[in-house]
Amino acid sequence: MNEQAEESYLQQLLVDAKKSATEKSIELMYHLMCNQIFWDGNKRTATLIANKYMIDNGIGLINIPLDYWAEWNQLIADYYYDNDMCKLKEWTYKVGIQGIDTYQRK
């Protein structure tokens, strides 16, 4: 793992004014999952980190219902294969966000 590259990615993501806190959380979560920067528990750790950011910004939680796990795992596998997060992000917005985004960009 290239620590400088990861730090740079994180800094750029978090200051991107074009993205909502929800979008940043989702991108961070899937980036951490895909790059597997932890020895073990990458999905769990990535989800915890993303939800910490969601909670800090008062925008709910990322929580994929159990009924959708098979579809979610397939979408994650597709993302790992093609490195295109668009479909996975859109699906997560529709299925996996609990709570509302109370901070609206003006």
PDB file of N, CA and C in Angstrom:
ATOM      1  N   MET A   1       0.835  -1.176   0.000  1.00  0.00           N
ATOM      2  CA  MET A   1       0.000   0.000   0.000  1.00  0.00           C
ATOM      3  C   MET A   1       0.884   1.246   0.000  1.00  0.00           C
ATOM      4  N   ASN A   2       0.512   2.202  -0.806  1.00  0.00           N
ATOM      5  CA  ASN A   2       1.216   3.472  -0.876  1.00  0.00           C
ATOM      6  C   ASN A   2       0.519   4.461   0.067  1.00  0.00           C
ATOM      7  N   GLU A   3       1.112   4.671   1.227  1.00  0.00           N
ATOM      8  CA  GLU A   3       0.482   5.521   2.242  1.00  0.00           C
ATOM      9  C   GLU A   3       0.280   6.946   1.758  1.00  0.00           C
ATOM     10  N   GLN A   4       1.241   7.484   1.024  1.00  0.00           N
ATOM     11  CA  GLN A   4       1.109   8.854   0.518  1.00  0.00           C
ATOM     12  C   GLN A   4      -0.054   8.968  -0.455  1.00  0.00           C
ATOM     13  N   ALA A   5      -0.209   7.986  -1.319  1.00  0.00           N
ATOM     14  CA  ALA A   5      -1.311   8.000  -2.282  1.00  0.00           C
ATOM     15  C   ALA A   5      -2.653   7.924  -1.561  1.00  0.00           C
ATOM     16  N   GLU A   6      -2.749   7.077  -0.548  1.00  0.00           N
ATOM     17  CA  GLU A   6      -3.991   6.960   0.221  1.00  0.00           C
ATOM     18  C   GLU A   6      -4.304   8.257   0.958  1.00  0.00           C
ATOM     19  N   GLU A   7      -3.298   8.854   1.559  1.00  0.00           N
ATOM     20  CA  GLU A   7      -3.499  10.118   2.273  1.00  0.00           C
ATOM     21  C   GLU A   7      -3.931  11.217   1.315  1.00  0.00           C
ATOM     22  N   SER A   8      -3.314  11.284   0.159  1.00  0.00           N
ATOM     23  CA  SER A   8      -3.667  12.277  -0.854  1.00  0.00           C
ATOM     24  C   SER A   8      -5.102  12.070  -1.336  1.00  0.00           C
ATOM     25  N   TYR A   9      -5.471  10.816  -1.600  1.00  0.00           N
ATOM     26  CA  TYR A   9      -6.835  10.502  -2.032  1.00  0.00           C
ATOM     27  C   TYR A   9      -7.843  10.968  -0.983  1.00  0.00           C
ATOM     28  N   LEU A  10      -7.590  10.644   0.259  1.00  0.00           N
ATOM     29  CA  LEU A  10      -8.497  11.003   1.343  1.00  0.00           C
ATOM     30  C   LEU A  10      -8.633  12.514   1.471  1.00  0.00           C
ATOM     31  N   GLN A  11      -7.530  13.228   1.442  1.00  0.00           N
ATOM     32  CA  GLN A  11      -7.577  14.686   1.551  1.00  0.00           C
ATOM     33  C   GLN A  11      -8.359  15.303   0.397  1.00  0.00           C
ATOM     34  N   GLN A  12      -8.119  14.831  -0.816  1.00  0.00           N
ATOM     35  CA  GLN A  12      -8.828  15.365  -1.984  1.00  0.00           C
ATOM     36  C   GLN A  12     -10.320  15.070  -1.907  1.00  0.00           C
ATOM     37  N   LEU A  13     -10.667  13.866  -1.501  1.00  0.00           N
ATOM     38  CA  LEU A  13     -12.075  13.490  -1.402  1.00  0.00           C
ATOM     39  C   LEU A  13     -12.810  14.356  -0.388  1.00  0.00           C
ATOM     40  N   LEU A  14     -12.228  14.533   0.779  1.00  0.00           N
ATOM     41  CA  LEU A  14     -12.928  15.233   1.854  1.00  0.00           C
ATOM     42  C   LEU A  14     -13.085  16.728   1.617  1.00  0.00           C
ATOM     43  N   VAL A  15     -12.249  17.328   0.780  1.00  0.00           N
ATOM     44  CA  VAL A  15     -12.381  18.767   0.511  1.00  0.00           C
ATOM     45  C   VAL A  15     -13.130  19.056  -0.784  1.00  0.00           C
ATOM     46  N   ASP A  16     -13.571  18.034  -1.488  1.00  0.00           N
ATOM     47  CA  ASP A  16     -14.275  18.215  -2.761  1.00  0.00           C
ATOM     48  C   ASP A  16     -15.655  18.827  -2.514  1.00  0.00           C
ATOM     49  N   ALA A  17     -15.799  20.111  -2.805  1.00  0.00           N
ATOM     50  CA  ALA A  17     -17.048  20.831  -2.550  1.00  0.00           C
ATOM     51  C   ALA A  17     -18.171  20.413  -3.494  1.00  0.00           C
ATOM     52  N   LYS A  18     -17.850  19.712  -4.561  1.00  0.00           N
ATOM     53  CA  LYS A  18     -18.868  19.280  -5.521  1.00  0.00           C
ATOM     54  C   LYS A  18     -19.614  18.033  -5.053  1.00  0.00           C
ATOM     55  N   LYS A  19     -19.092  17.369  -4.037  1.00  0.00           N
ATOM     56  CA  LYS A  19     -19.695  16.126  -3.561  1.00  0.00           C
ATOM     57  C   LYS A  19     -20.334  16.336  -2.199  1.00  0.00           C
ATOM     58  N   SER A  20     -21.494  15.712  -2.012  1.00  0.00           N
ATOM     59  CA  SER A  20     -22.158  15.761  -0.712  1.00  0.00           C
ATOM     60  C   SER A  20     -21.407  14.870   0.277  1.00  0.00           C
ATOM     61  N   ALA A  21     -21.697  15.052   1.542  1.00  0.00           N
ATOM     62  CA  ALA A  21     -21.077  14.204   2.566  1.00  0.00           C
ATOM     63  C   ALA A  21     -21.485  12.744   2.370  1.00  0.00           C
ATOM     64  N   THR A  22     -22.701  12.517   1.901  1.00  0.00           N
ATOM     65  CA  THR A  22     -23.151  11.154   1.632  1.00  0.00           C
ATOM     66  C   THR A  22     -22.327  10.528   0.517  1.00  0.00           C
ATOM     67  N   GLU A  23     -22.129  11.262  -0.562  1.00  0.00           N
ATOM     68  CA  GLU A  23     -21.335  10.744  -1.677  1.00  0.00           C
ATOM     69  C   GLU A  23     -19.893  10.484  -1.244  1.00  0.00           C
ATOM     70  N   LYS A  24     -19.343  11.383  -0.458  1.00  0.00           N
ATOM     71  CA  LYS A  24     -17.977  11.185   0.041  1.00  0.00           C
ATOM     72  C   LYS A  24     -17.889   9.917   0.884  1.00  0.00           C
ATOM     73  N   SER A  25     -18.882   9.701   1.731  1.00  0.00           N
ATOM     74  CA  SER A  25     -18.894   8.511   2.588  1.00  0.00           C
ATOM     75  C   SER A  25     -18.950   7.233   1.765  1.00  0.00           C
ATOM     76  N   ILE A  26     -19.828   7.223   0.770  1.00  0.00           N
ATOM     77  CA  ILE A  26     -19.969   6.042  -0.083  1.00  0.00           C
ATOM     78  C   ILE A  26     -18.673   5.780  -0.841  1.00  0.00           C
ATOM     79  N   GLU A  27     -18.113   6.819  -1.435  1.00  0.00           N
ATOM     80  CA  GLU A  27     -16.866   6.649  -2.186  1.00  0.00           C
ATOM     81  C   GLU A  27     -15.732   6.169  -1.286  1.00  0.00           C
ATOM     82  N   LEU A  28     -15.642   6.752  -0.109  1.00  0.00           N
ATOM     83  CA  LEU A  28     -14.600   6.341   0.831  1.00  0.00           C
ATOM     84  C   LEU A  28     -14.757   4.872   1.205  1.00  0.00           C
ATOM     85  N   MET A  29     -15.981   4.468   1.500  1.00  0.00           N
ATOM     86  CA  MET A  29     -16.233   3.094   1.906  1.00  0.00           C
ATOM     87  C   MET A  29     -15.802   2.109   0.816  1.00  0.00           C
ATOM     88  N   TYR A  30     -16.233   2.350  -0.411  1.00  0.00           N
ATOM     89  CA  TYR A  30     -15.908   1.400  -1.478  1.00  0.00           C
ATOM     90  C   TYR A  30     -14.439   1.473  -1.882  1.00  0.00           C
ATOM     91  N   HIS A  31     -13.852   2.638  -1.781  1.00  0.00           N
ATOM     92  CA  HIS A  31     -12.418   2.754  -2.054  1.00  0.00           C
ATOM     93  C   HIS A  31     -11.620   1.912  -1.058  1.00  0.00           C
ATOM     94  N   LEU A  32     -11.957   2.030   0.218  1.00  0.00           N
ATOM     95  CA  LEU A  32     -11.247   1.264   1.245  1.00  0.00           C
ATOM     96  C   LEU A  32     -11.477  -0.237   1.084  1.00  0.00           C
ATOM     97  N   MET A  33     -12.708  -0.625   0.742  1.00  0.00           N
ATOM     98  CA  MET A  33     -12.990  -2.041   0.517  1.00  0.00           C
ATOM     99  C   MET A  33     -12.147  -2.587  -0.630  1.00  0.00           C
ATOM    100  N   CYS A  34     -12.147  -1.874  -1.737  1.00  0.00           N
ATOM    101  CA  CYS A  34     -11.473  -2.343  -2.947  1.00  0.00           C
ATOM    102  C   CYS A  34      -9.959  -2.399  -2.779  1.00  0.00           C
ATOM    103  N   ASN A  35      -9.402  -1.404  -2.133  1.00  0.00           N
ATOM    104  CA  ASN A  35      -7.950  -1.334  -1.996  1.00  0.00           C
ATOM    105  C   ASN A  35      -7.414  -2.181  -0.848  1.00  0.00           C
ATOM    106  N   GLN A  36      -8.308  -2.684  -0.023  1.00  0.00           N
ATOM    107  CA  GLN A  36      -7.969  -3.599   1.063  1.00  0.00           C
ATOM    108  C   GLN A  36      -6.702  -3.176   1.803  1.00  0.00           C
ATOM    109  N   ILE A  37      -6.785  -1.987   2.399  1.00  0.00           N
ATOM    110  CA  ILE A  37      -5.611  -1.444   3.075  1.00  0.00           C
ATOM    111  C   ILE A  37      -5.403  -2.029   4.473  1.00  0.00           C
ATOM    112  N   PHE A  38      -6.386  -2.778   4.953  1.00  0.00           N
ATOM    113  CA  PHE A  38      -6.274  -3.393   6.270  1.00  0.00           C
ATOM    114  C   PHE A  38      -5.949  -4.877   6.115  1.00  0.00           C
ATOM    115  N   TRP A  39      -5.329  -5.459   7.121  1.00  0.00           N
ATOM    116  CA  TRP A  39      -4.955  -6.867   7.066  1.00  0.00           C
ATOM    117  C   TRP A  39      -6.192  -7.759   6.991  1.00  0.00           C
ATOM    118  N   ASP A  40      -7.223  -7.410   7.748  1.00  0.00           N
ATOM    119  CA  ASP A  40      -8.438  -8.225   7.807  1.00  0.00           C
ATOM    120  C   ASP A  40      -9.618  -7.302   8.078  1.00  0.00           C
ATOM    121  N   GLY A  41     -10.809  -7.731   7.716  1.00  0.00           N
ATOM    122  CA  GLY A  41     -12.020  -6.983   8.042  1.00  0.00           C
ATOM    123  C   GLY A  41     -12.191  -5.715   7.234  1.00  0.00           C
ATOM    124  N   ASN A  42     -11.795  -5.734   5.973  1.00  0.00           N
ATOM    125  CA  ASN A  42     -11.845  -4.520   5.162  1.00  0.00           C
ATOM    126  C   ASN A  42     -13.259  -3.982   4.966  1.00  0.00           C
ATOM    127  N   LYS A  43     -14.238  -4.857   4.706  1.00  0.00           N
ATOM    128  CA  LYS A  43     -15.621  -4.386   4.534  1.00  0.00           C
ATOM    129  C   LYS A  43     -16.144  -3.782   5.831  1.00  0.00           C
ATOM    130  N   ARG A  44     -15.927  -4.479   6.930  1.00  0.00           N
ATOM    131  CA  ARG A  44     -16.422  -3.978   8.224  1.00  0.00           C
ATOM    132  C   ARG A  44     -15.768  -2.653   8.588  1.00  0.00           C
ATOM    133  N   THR A  45     -14.461  -2.587   8.448  1.00  0.00           N
ATOM    134  CA  THR A  45     -13.735  -1.369   8.809  1.00  0.00           C
ATOM    135  C   THR A  45     -14.121  -0.215   7.897  1.00  0.00           C
ATOM    136  N   ALA A  46     -14.227  -0.469   6.602  1.00  0.00           N
ATOM    137  CA  ALA A  46     -14.608   0.576   5.652  1.00  0.00           C
ATOM    138  C   ALA A  46     -16.010   1.097   5.948  1.00  0.00           C
ATOM    139  N   THR A  47     -16.922   0.197   6.295  1.00  0.00           N
ATOM    140  CA  THR A  47     -18.289   0.608   6.619  1.00  0.00           C
ATOM    141  C   THR A  47     -18.311   1.444   7.897  1.00  0.00           C
ATOM    142  N   LEU A  48     -17.543   1.051   8.899  1.00  0.00           N
ATOM    143  CA  LEU A  48     -17.470   1.831  10.140  1.00  0.00           C
ATOM    144  C   LEU A  48     -16.914   3.233   9.892  1.00  0.00           C
ATOM    145  N   ILE A  49     -15.868   3.326   9.101  1.00  0.00           N
ATOM    146  CA  ILE A  49     -15.266   4.629   8.802  1.00  0.00           C
ATOM    147  C   ILE A  49     -16.257   5.512   8.052  1.00  0.00           C
ATOM    148  N   ALA A  50     -16.921   4.939   7.048  1.00  0.00           N
ATOM    149  CA  ALA A  50     -17.901   5.710   6.277  1.00  0.00           C
ATOM    150  C   ALA A  50     -19.053   6.171   7.164  1.00  0.00           C
ATOM    151  N   ASN A  51     -19.526   5.283   8.042  1.00  0.00           N
ATOM    152  CA  ASN A  51     -20.631   5.660   8.921  1.00  0.00           C
ATOM    153  C   ASN A  51     -20.211   6.686   9.964  1.00  0.00           C
ATOM    154  N   LYS A  52     -18.978   6.669  10.384  1.00  0.00           N
ATOM    155  CA  LYS A  52     -18.479   7.726  11.285  1.00  0.00           C
ATOM    156  C   LYS A  52     -18.612   9.079  10.602  1.00  0.00           C
ATOM    157  N   TYR A  53     -18.225   9.143   9.338  1.00  0.00           N
ATOM    158  CA  TYR A  53     -18.332  10.399   8.586  1.00  0.00           C
ATOM    159  C   TYR A  53     -19.804  10.779   8.386  1.00  0.00           C
ATOM    160  N   MET A  54     -20.651   9.795   8.126  1.00  0.00           N
ATOM    161  CA  MET A  54     -22.090  10.065   7.973  1.00  0.00           C
ATOM    162  C   MET A  54     -22.657  10.643   9.274  1.00  0.00           C
ATOM    163  N   ILE A  55     -22.355  10.013  10.395  1.00  0.00           N
ATOM    164  CA  ILE A  55     -22.866  10.469  11.689  1.00  0.00           C
ATOM    165  C   ILE A  55     -22.336  11.864  12.013  1.00  0.00           C
ATOM    166  N   ASP A  56     -21.047  12.083  11.798  1.00  0.00           N
ATOM    167  CA  ASP A  56     -20.453  13.396  12.066  1.00  0.00           C
ATOM    168  C   ASP A  56     -21.136  14.505  11.279  1.00  0.00           C
ATOM    169  N   ASN A  57     -21.676  14.165  10.115  1.00  0.00           N
ATOM    170  CA  ASN A  57     -22.336  15.152   9.270  1.00  0.00           C
ATOM    171  C   ASN A  57     -23.857  15.114   9.387  1.00  0.00           C
ATOM    172  N   GLY A  58     -24.383  14.308  10.305  1.00  0.00           N
ATOM    173  CA  GLY A  58     -25.816  14.271  10.567  1.00  0.00           C
ATOM    174  C   GLY A  58     -26.653  13.791   9.398  1.00  0.00           C
ATOM    175  N   ILE A  59     -26.140  12.818   8.662  1.00  0.00           N
ATOM    176  CA  ILE A  59     -26.833  12.414   7.432  1.00  0.00           C
ATOM    177  C   ILE A  59     -27.244  10.948   7.419  1.00  0.00           C
ATOM    178  N   GLY A  60     -27.387  10.338   8.567  1.00  0.00           N
ATOM    179  CA  GLY A  60     -27.858   8.962   8.622  1.00  0.00           C
ATOM    180  C   GLY A  60     -26.733   7.955   8.617  1.00  0.00           C
ATOM    181  N   LEU A  61     -27.028   6.777   8.075  1.00  0.00           N
ATOM    182  CA  LEU A  61     -26.083   5.661   8.063  1.00  0.00           C
ATOM    183  C   LEU A  61     -26.129   4.926   6.732  1.00  0.00           C
ATOM    184  N   ILE A  62     -25.033   4.278   6.418  1.00  0.00           N
ATOM    185  CA  ILE A  62     -25.020   3.326   5.316  1.00  0.00           C
ATOM    186  C   ILE A  62     -25.282   1.965   5.940  1.00  0.00           C
ATOM    187  N   ASN A  63     -26.372   1.333   5.529  1.00  0.00           N
ATOM    188  CA  ASN A  63     -26.731   0.019   6.056  1.00  0.00           C
ATOM    189  C   ASN A  63     -27.454  -0.754   4.964  1.00  0.00           C
ATOM    190  N   ILE A  64     -26.815  -1.777   4.449  1.00  0.00           N
ATOM    191  CA  ILE A  64     -27.414  -2.589   3.399  1.00  0.00           C
ATOM    192  C   ILE A  64     -28.275  -3.663   4.057  1.00  0.00           C
ATOM    193  N   PRO A  65     -29.590  -3.662   3.784  1.00  0.00           N
ATOM    194  CA  PRO A  65     -30.452  -4.692   4.364  1.00  0.00           C
ATOM    195  C   PRO A  65     -30.010  -6.099   3.942  1.00  0.00           C
ATOM    196  N   LEU A  66     -30.166  -7.054   4.837  1.00  0.00           N
ATOM    197  CA  LEU A  66     -29.727  -8.427   4.574  1.00  0.00           C
ATOM    198  C   LEU A  66     -30.322  -8.997   3.290  1.00  0.00           C
ATOM    199  N   ASP A  67     -31.556  -8.621   2.978  1.00  0.00           N
ATOM    200  CA  ASP A  67     -32.220  -9.122   1.768  1.00  0.00           C
ATOM    201  C   ASP A  67     -31.475  -8.729   0.496  1.00  0.00           C
ATOM    202  N   TYR A  68     -30.610  -7.736   0.570  1.00  0.00           N
ATOM    203  CA  TYR A  68     -29.912  -7.218  -0.604  1.00  0.00           C
ATOM    204  C   TYR A  68     -28.433  -7.599  -0.639  1.00  0.00           C
ATOM    205  N   TRP A  69     -27.971  -8.392   0.296  1.00  0.00           N
ATOM    206  CA  TRP A  69     -26.540  -8.691   0.378  1.00  0.00           C
ATOM    207  C   TRP A  69     -26.005  -9.425  -0.846  1.00  0.00           C
ATOM    208  N   ALA A  70     -26.768 -10.337  -1.411  1.00  0.00           N
ATOM    209  CA  ALA A  70     -26.286 -11.064  -2.596  1.00  0.00           C
ATOM    210  C   ALA A  70     -26.066 -10.087  -3.751  1.00  0.00           C
ATOM    211  N   GLU A  71     -27.036  -9.208  -3.964  1.00  0.00           N
ATOM    212  CA  GLU A  71     -26.908  -8.202  -5.027  1.00  0.00           C
ATOM    213  C   GLU A  71     -25.756  -7.246  -4.729  1.00  0.00           C
ATOM    214  N   TRP A  72     -25.644  -6.835  -3.474  1.00  0.00           N
ATOM    215  CA  TRP A  72     -24.576  -5.921  -3.061  1.00  0.00           C
ATOM    216  C   TRP A  72     -23.203  -6.536  -3.312  1.00  0.00           C
ATOM    217  N   ASN A  73     -23.037  -7.789  -2.912  1.00  0.00           N
ATOM    218  CA  ASN A  73     -21.750  -8.456  -3.112  1.00  0.00           C
ATOM    219  C   ASN A  73     -21.406  -8.598  -4.590  1.00  0.00           C
ATOM    220  N   GLN A  74     -22.423  -8.824  -5.432  1.00  0.00           N
ATOM    221  CA  GLN A  74     -22.163  -8.903  -6.867  1.00  0.00           C
ATOM    222  C   GLN A  74     -21.741  -7.540  -7.415  1.00  0.00           C
ATOM    223  N   LEU A  75     -22.403  -6.477  -6.979  1.00  0.00           N
ATOM    224  CA  LEU A  75     -22.036  -5.127  -7.422  1.00  0.00           C
ATOM    225  C   LEU A  75     -20.627  -4.757  -6.956  1.00  0.00           C
ATOM    226  N   ILE A  76     -20.277  -5.155  -5.747  1.00  0.00           N
ATOM    227  CA  ILE A  76     -18.918  -4.908  -5.254  1.00  0.00           C
ATOM    228  C   ILE A  76     -17.909  -5.678  -6.107  1.00  0.00           C
ATOM    229  N   ALA A  77     -18.209  -6.936  -6.408  1.00  0.00           N
ATOM    230  CA  ALA A  77     -17.310  -7.739  -7.245  1.00  0.00           C
ATOM    231  C   ALA A  77     -17.143  -7.102  -8.624  1.00  0.00           C
ATOM    232  N   ASP A  78     -18.244  -6.590  -9.184  1.00  0.00           N
ATOM    233  CA  ASP A  78     -18.172  -5.906 -10.482  1.00  0.00           C
ATOM    234  C   ASP A  78     -17.267  -4.684 -10.392  1.00  0.00           C
ATOM    235  N   TYR A  79     -17.401  -3.932  -9.305  1.00  0.00           N
ATOM    236  CA  TYR A  79     -16.555  -2.755  -9.104  1.00  0.00           C
ATOM    237  C   TYR A  79     -15.085  -3.154  -8.974  1.00  0.00           C
ATOM    238  N   TYR A  80     -14.809  -4.200  -8.235  1.00  0.00           N
ATOM    239  CA  TYR A  80     -13.426  -4.672  -8.107  1.00  0.00           C
ATOM    240  C   TYR A  80     -12.852  -5.041  -9.472  1.00  0.00           C
ATOM    241  N   TYR A  81     -13.708  -5.595 -10.335  1.00  0.00           N
ATOM    242  CA  TYR A  81     -13.266  -6.056 -11.654  1.00  0.00           C
ATOM    243  C   TYR A  81     -13.033  -4.900 -12.624  1.00  0.00           C
ATOM    244  N   ASP A  82     -14.001  -3.951 -12.687  1.00  0.00           N
ATOM    245  CA  ASP A  82     -13.909  -2.895 -13.710  1.00  0.00           C
ATOM    246  C   ASP A  82     -13.519  -1.521 -13.166  1.00  0.00           C
ATOM    247  N   ASN A  83     -13.426  -1.391 -11.844  1.00  0.00           N
ATOM    248  CA  ASN A  83     -13.033  -0.139 -11.192  1.00  0.00           C
ATOM    249  C   ASN A  83     -13.978   1.024 -11.505  1.00  0.00           C
ATOM    250  N   ASP A  84     -15.230   0.706 -11.852  1.00  0.00           N
ATOM    251  CA  ASP A  84     -16.246   1.728 -12.114  1.00  0.00           C
ATOM    252  C   ASP A  84     -17.242   1.694 -10.961  1.00  0.00           C
ATOM    253  N   MET A  85     -17.236   2.738 -10.151  1.00  0.00           N
ATOM    254  CA  MET A  85     -18.047   2.791  -8.946  1.00  0.00           C
ATOM    255  C   MET A  85     -19.451   3.355  -9.189  1.00  0.00           C
ATOM    256  N   CYS A  86     -19.739   3.880 -10.373  1.00  0.00           N
ATOM    257  CA  CYS A  86     -20.991   4.601 -10.625  1.00  0.00           C
ATOM    258  C   CYS A  86     -22.237   3.782 -10.287  1.00  0.00           C
ATOM    259  N   LYS A  87     -22.345   2.583 -10.833  1.00  0.00           N
ATOM    260  CA  LYS A  87     -23.529   1.756 -10.607  1.00  0.00           C
ATOM    261  C   LYS A  87     -23.666   1.391  -9.128  1.00  0.00           C
ATOM    262  N   LEU A  88     -22.561   1.066  -8.501  1.00  0.00           N
ATOM    263  CA  LEU A  88     -22.554   0.697  -7.085  1.00  0.00           C
ATOM    264  C   LEU A  88     -22.962   1.878  -6.204  1.00  0.00           C
ATOM    265  N   LYS A  89     -22.459   3.062  -6.509  1.00  0.00           N
ATOM    266  CA  LYS A  89     -22.831   4.261  -5.738  1.00  0.00           C
ATOM    267  C   LYS A  89     -24.320   4.552  -5.877  1.00  0.00           C
ATOM    268  N   GLU A  90     -24.827   4.511  -7.108  1.00  0.00           N
ATOM    269  CA  GLU A  90     -26.249   4.788  -7.344  1.00  0.00           C
ATOM    270  C   GLU A  90     -27.119   3.782  -6.595  1.00  0.00           C
ATOM    271  N   TRP A  91     -26.755   2.514  -6.664  1.00  0.00           N
ATOM    272  CA  TRP A  91     -27.501   1.468  -5.975  1.00  0.00           C
ATOM    273  C   TRP A  91     -27.466   1.695  -4.463  1.00  0.00           C
ATOM    274  N   THR A  92     -26.315   2.057  -3.941  1.00  0.00           N
ATOM    275  CA  THR A  92     -26.182   2.289  -2.500  1.00  0.00           C
ATOM    276  C   THR A  92     -27.050   3.462  -2.060  1.00  0.00           C
ATOM    277  N   TYR A  93     -27.096   4.528  -2.866  1.00  0.00           N
ATOM    278  CA  TYR A  93     -27.982   5.651  -2.548  1.00  0.00           C
ATOM    279  C   TYR A  93     -29.428   5.183  -2.432  1.00  0.00           C
ATOM    280  N   LYS A  94     -29.856   4.317  -3.342  1.00  0.00           N
ATOM    281  CA  LYS A  94     -31.255   3.871  -3.373  1.00  0.00           C
ATOM    282  C   LYS A  94     -31.581   2.870  -2.272  1.00  0.00           C
ATOM    283  N   VAL A  95     -30.655   1.968  -1.977  1.00  0.00           N
ATOM    284  CA  VAL A  95     -30.947   0.831  -1.106  1.00  0.00           C
ATOM    285  C   VAL A  95     -30.331   0.958   0.285  1.00  0.00           C
ATOM    286  N   GLY A  96     -29.161   1.582   0.378  1.00  0.00           N
ATOM    287  CA  GLY A  96     -28.377   1.456   1.596  1.00  0.00           C
ATOM    288  C   GLY A  96     -28.282   2.646   2.516  1.00  0.00           C
ATOM    289  N   ILE A  97     -28.989   3.735   2.231  1.00  0.00           N
ATOM    290  CA  ILE A  97     -28.887   4.910   3.101  1.00  0.00           C
ATOM    291  C   ILE A  97     -30.100   4.964   4.017  1.00  0.00           C
ATOM    292  N   GLN A  98     -29.839   4.986   5.309  1.00  0.00           N
ATOM    293  CA  GLN A  98     -30.907   5.146   6.290  1.00  0.00           C
ATOM    294  C   GLN A  98     -30.761   6.513   6.923  1.00  0.00           C
ATOM    295  N   GLY A  99     -31.834   7.286   6.910  1.00  0.00           N
ATOM    296  CA  GLY A  99     -31.792   8.652   7.407  1.00  0.00           C
ATOM    297  C   GLY A  99     -31.851   9.602   6.232  1.00  0.00           C
ATOM    298  N   ILE A 100     -31.833  10.881   6.517  1.00  0.00           N
ATOM    299  CA  ILE A 100     -31.935  11.860   5.441  1.00  0.00           C
ATOM    300  C   ILE A 100     -30.751  12.804   5.454  1.00  0.00           C
ATOM    301  N   ASP A 101     -30.443  13.338   4.307  1.00  0.00           N
ATOM    302  CA  ASP A 101     -29.381  14.328   4.179  1.00  0.00           C
ATOM    303  C   ASP A 101     -29.971  15.682   4.575  1.00  0.00           C
ATOM    304  N   THR A 102     -29.653  16.140   5.780  1.00  0.00           N
ATOM    305  CA  THR A 102     -30.233  17.387   6.272  1.00  0.00           C
ATOM    306  C   THR A 102     -29.468  18.608   5.806  1.00  0.00           C
ATOM    307  N   TYR A 103     -28.286  18.410   5.247  1.00  0.00           N
ATOM    308  CA  TYR A 103     -27.486  19.527   4.763  1.00  0.00           C
ATOM    309  C   TYR A 103     -27.608  19.595   3.255  1.00  0.00           C
ATOM    310  N   GLN A 104     -28.282  20.601   2.770  1.00  0.00           N
ATOM    311  CA  GLN A 104     -28.479  20.752   1.341  1.00  0.00           C
ATOM    312  C   GLN A 104     -27.528  21.810   0.826  1.00  0.00           C
ATOM    313  N   ARG A 105     -26.893  21.494  -0.296  1.00  0.00           N
ATOM    314  CA  ARG A 105     -26.015  22.485  -0.918  1.00  0.00           C
ATOM    315  C   ARG A 105     -26.869  23.600  -1.491  1.00  0.00           C
ATOM    316  N   LYS A 106     -26.387  24.814  -1.367  1.00  0.00           N
ATOM    317  CA  LYS A 106     -27.128  25.969  -1.894  1.00  0.00           C
ATOM    318  C   LYS A 106     -26.546  26.409  -3.199  1.00  0.00           C
TER     319      LYS A 106
END
